[in-house]
C-alpha atoms as a PDB file:
ATOM      1  CA  MET A   1      78.433  91.301  44.200  1.00  0.00           C
ATOM      2  CA  MET A   2      81.858  91.633  43.039  1.00  0.00           C
ATOM      3  CA  GLU A   3      85.293  90.829  44.213  1.00  0.00           C
ATOM      4  CA  LYS A   4      87.814  93.014  45.268  1.00  0.00           C
ATOM      5  CA  LYS A   5      90.845  92.607  42.404  1.00  0.00           C
ATOM      6  CA  ARG A   6      93.795  92.065  44.909  1.00  0.00           C
ATOM      7  CA  TYR A   7      97.386  93.198  43.300  1.00  0.00           C
ATOM      8  CA  ILE A   8      99.914  92.618  44.677  1.00  0.00           C
ATOM      9  CA  ILE A   9     103.049  94.991  43.428  1.00  0.00           C
ATOM     10  CA  LYS A  10     107.257  93.709  43.308  1.00  0.00           C
ATOM     11  CA  GLU A  11     109.640  95.985  43.019  1.00  0.00           C
ATOM     12  CA  ASN A  12     112.132  95.641  41.554  1.00  0.00           C
ATOM     13  CA  LYS A  13     116.051  95.508  44.443  1.00  0.00           C
ATOM     14  CA  SER A  14     117.881  94.285  41.159  1.00  0.00           C
ATOM     15  CA  LYS A  15     118.395  96.702  40.147  1.00  0.00           C
ATOM     16  CA  GLY A  16     119.613  98.459  42.802  1.00  0.00           C
ATOM     17  CA  ILE A  17     121.968  96.039  43.100  1.00  0.00           C
ATOM     18  CA  ILE A  18     123.713  96.137  39.487  1.00  0.00           C
ATOM     19  CA  ALA A  19     123.678  99.666  40.507  1.00  0.00           C
ATOM     20  CA  VAL A  20     125.958  99.550  43.655  1.00  0.00           C
ATOM     21  CA  PHE A  21     128.074  96.447  41.885  1.00  0.00           C
ATOM     22  CA  PHE A  22     128.539  98.341  39.380  1.00  0.00           C
ATOM     23  CA  GLY A  23     129.317 102.091  40.999  1.00  0.00           C
ATOM     24  CA  ILE A  24     132.211  99.440  43.550  1.00  0.00           C
ATOM     25  CA  LEU A  25     133.994  97.909  40.810  1.00  0.00           C
ATOM     26  CA  ILE A  26     133.766 101.783  38.342  1.00  0.00           C
ATOM     27  CA  PHE A  27     135.755 103.174  41.967  1.00  0.00           C
ATOM     28  CA  ILE A  28     138.342 100.066  42.058  1.00  0.00           C
ATOM     29  CA  ILE A  29     139.470 101.409  38.612  1.00  0.00           C
ATOM     30  CA  PHE A  30     139.675 104.585  39.132  1.00  0.00           C
ATOM     31  CA  PHE A  31     141.335 103.811  42.496  1.00  0.00           C
ATOM     32  CA  PHE A  32     143.515 101.211  42.966  1.00  0.00           C
ATOM     33  CA  PRO A  33     145.435 102.537  39.878  1.00  0.00           C
ATOM     34  CA  PHE A  34     146.693 105.780  42.268  1.00  0.00           C
ATOM     35  CA  TYR A  35     146.811 104.533  46.159  1.00  0.00           C
ATOM     36  CA  GLY A  36     146.132 101.290  45.774  1.00  0.00           C
ATOM     37  CA  LEU A  37     149.173 100.017  47.589  1.00  0.00           C
ATOM     38  CA  SER A  38     148.771 102.521  49.910  1.00  0.00           C
ATOM     39  CA  LEU A  39     145.833 101.446  50.764  1.00  0.00           C
ATOM     40  CA  ARG A  40     146.765  97.884  50.405  1.00  0.00           C
ATOM     41  CA  TYR A  41     148.805  98.747  54.075  1.00  0.00           C
ATOM     42  CA  TYR A  42     145.688 100.524  55.547  1.00  0.00           C
ATOM     43  CA  ILE A  43     144.491  97.427  55.293  1.00  0.00           C
ATOM     44  CA  GLY A  44     146.876  95.947  56.489  1.00  0.00           C
ATOM     45  CA  TYR A  45     147.734  97.793  59.882  1.00  0.00           C
ATOM     46  CA  GLY A  46     144.036  97.796  60.421  1.00  0.00           C
ATOM     47  CA  LEU A  47     143.694  93.837  60.615  1.00  0.00           C
ATOM     48  CA  LYS A  48     147.081  93.219  62.378  1.00  0.00           C
ATOM     49  CA  LYS A  49     145.536  95.740  65.201  1.00  0.00           C
ATOM     50  CA  LEU A  50     142.334  93.196  65.220  1.00  0.00           C
ATOM     51  CA  PHE A  51     144.148  90.474  65.492  1.00  0.00           C
ATOM     52  CA  ASN A  52     146.260  91.790  67.918  1.00  0.00           C
ATOM     53  CA  GLY A  53     142.797  91.830  69.886  1.00  0.00           C
ATOM     54  CA  ILE A  54     141.355  88.791  68.754  1.00  0.00           C
ATOM     55  CA  GLY A  55     144.915  87.868  70.209  1.00  0.00           C
ATOM     56  CA  MET A  56     145.192  89.192  73.525  1.00  0.00           C
ATOM     57  CA  LEU A  57     141.563  88.591  74.608  1.00  0.00           C
ATOM     58  CA  SER A  58     142.133  85.143  74.206  1.00  0.00           C
ATOM     59  CA  LEU A  59     145.685  85.222  76.117  1.00  0.00           C
ATOM     60  CA  MET A  60     144.058  87.149  79.259  1.00  0.00           C
ATOM     61  CA  GLY A  61     141.033  84.675  79.295  1.00  0.00           C
ATOM     62  CA  GLY A  62     143.141  81.541  79.119  1.00  0.00           C
ATOM     63  CA  THR A  63     145.396  82.962  82.056  1.00  0.00           C
ATOM     64  CA  PHE A  64     141.637  83.456  84.138  1.00  0.00           C
ATOM     65  CA  LEU A  65     140.932  79.443  82.941  1.00  0.00           C
ATOM     66  CA  LEU A  66     144.106  78.197  84.186  1.00  0.00           C
ATOM     67  CA  ILE A  67     144.185  80.384  87.300  1.00  0.00           C
ATOM     68  CA  LEU A  68     140.620  79.417  88.102  1.00  0.00           C
ATOM     69  CA  SER A  69     141.349  75.658  87.523  1.00  0.00           C
ATOM     70  CA  ALA A  70     144.327  75.498  89.446  1.00  0.00           C
ATOM     71  CA  ILE A  71     142.479  76.652  92.398  1.00  0.00           C
ATOM     72  CA  SER A  72     139.992  74.122  91.420  1.00  0.00           C
ATOM     73  CA  LEU A  73     142.914  72.134  92.044  1.00  0.00           C
ATOM     74  CA  LEU A  74     144.124  73.603  95.261  1.00  0.00           C
ATOM     75  CA  LEU A  75     141.136  74.009  97.046  1.00  0.00           C
ATOM     76  CA  GLU A  76     140.172  69.650  97.117  1.00  0.00           C
ATOM     77  CA  LYS A  77     136.809  70.686  94.764  1.00  0.00           C
ATOM     78  CA  LYS A  78     136.311  68.975  91.857  1.00  0.00           C
ATOM     79  CA  ILE A  79     139.113  69.386  88.827  1.00  0.00           C
ATOM     80  CA  ARG A  80     137.962  71.191  85.681  1.00  0.00           C
ATOM     81  CA  LEU A  81     140.013  69.149  83.046  1.00  0.00           C
ATOM     82  CA  GLY A  82     137.554  71.324  80.407  1.00  0.00           C
ATOM     83  CA  TRP A  83     138.653  74.720  82.746  1.00  0.00           C
ATOM     84  CA  PHE A  84     142.836  73.631  81.448  1.00  0.00           C
ATOM     85  CA  VAL A  85     142.178  72.144  78.335  1.00  0.00           C
ATOM     86  CA  VAL A  86     140.461  75.271  77.290  1.00  0.00           C
ATOM     87  CA  ALA A  87     142.407  77.438  79.055  1.00  0.00           C
ATOM     88  CA  ILE A  88     145.685  76.231  76.233  1.00  0.00           C
ATOM     89  CA  ALA A  89     143.604  76.883  73.472  1.00  0.00           C
ATOM     90  CA  LEU A  90     142.372  80.532  74.828  1.00  0.00           C
ATOM     91  CA  PHE A  91     146.538  80.329  74.505  1.00  0.00           C
ATOM     92  CA  TRP A  92     147.946  78.660  71.200  1.00  0.00           C
ATOM     93  CA  VAL A  93     144.751  81.217  69.698  1.00  0.00           C
ATOM     94  CA  GLY A  94     146.364  84.561  71.272  1.00  0.00           C
ATOM     95  CA  SER A  95     150.189  82.765  70.652  1.00  0.00           C
ATOM     96  CA  TRP A  96     149.381  82.681  66.858  1.00  0.00           C
ATOM     97  CA  CYS A  97     147.474  85.866  66.579  1.00  0.00           C
ATOM     98  CA  THR A  98     149.910  88.137  68.139  1.00  0.00           C
ATOM     99  CA  GLY A  99     152.961  86.578  67.282  1.00  0.00           C
ATOM    100  CA  ILE A 100     153.750  86.137  71.084  1.00  0.00           C
ATOM    101  CA  ILE A 101     155.310  82.674  72.297  1.00  0.00           C
ATOM    102  CA  VAL A 102     154.471  81.606  74.919  1.00  0.00           C
ATOM    103  CA  GLU A 103     156.141  78.482  77.394  1.00  0.00           C
ATOM    104  CA  ILE A 104     153.307  76.042  79.271  1.00  0.00           C
ATOM    105  CA  LEU A 105     155.218  73.389  81.388  1.00  0.00           C
ATOM    106  CA  GLY A 106     158.190  73.696  78.255  1.00  0.00           C
ATOM    107  CA  ILE A 107     156.035  73.339  75.244  1.00  0.00           C
ATOM    108  CA  PRO A 108     156.395  76.184  73.760  1.00  0.00           C
ATOM    109  CA  ILE A 109     153.217  77.307  71.639  1.00  0.00           C
ATOM    110  CA  GLY A 110     152.993  79.940  69.600  1.00  0.00           C
ATOM    111  CA  ASN A 111     155.071  81.735  66.371  1.00  0.00           C
ATOM    112  CA  THR A 112     158.785  80.644  66.932  1.00  0.00           C
ATOM    113  CA  GLN A 113     159.687  82.733  63.724  1.00  0.00           C
ATOM    114  CA  GLY A 114     159.258  85.988  65.235  1.00  0.00           C
ATOM    115  CA  SER A 115     156.594  88.702  65.399  1.00  0.00           C
ATOM    116  CA  GLY A 116     154.384  88.346  62.864  1.00  0.00           C
ATOM    117  CA  ALA A 117     156.895  86.416  60.242  1.00  0.00           C
ATOM    118  CA  GLY A 118     154.811  83.652  58.312  1.00  0.00           C
ATOM    119  CA  SER A 119     151.698  84.750  59.815  1.00  0.00           C
ATOM    120  CA  GLY A 120     149.238  85.764  56.062  1.00  0.00           C
ATOM    121  CA  PHE A 121     146.858  88.469  57.976  1.00  0.00           C
ATOM    122  CA  HIS A 122     149.676  91.459  56.626  1.00  0.00           C
END
């Protein structure tokens, strides 16, 4: 009996990747001299909204965990020290992202230079 020969056909994907890379490169070379500055501000505005959203979610999550840890303390249940530490960490991340200064027990957490000053996302 004769054996059947099996052939494996490999697709050459590298040509497509190289074409996409050169297409993006040519687009950037011709696009940036005319619209690059305004594109920079559009990207910065979009990132500012993204960071503010992440910061607000972190602040809300930190507030929720802080309330839960305070309720567990008042109900004389097992004190959730881990929740308190995570709440402080979420306050710190939220304050850094939004530029809001949060004071916990007289300690300021956040950016003390004003909103957005010194942060690298816009």
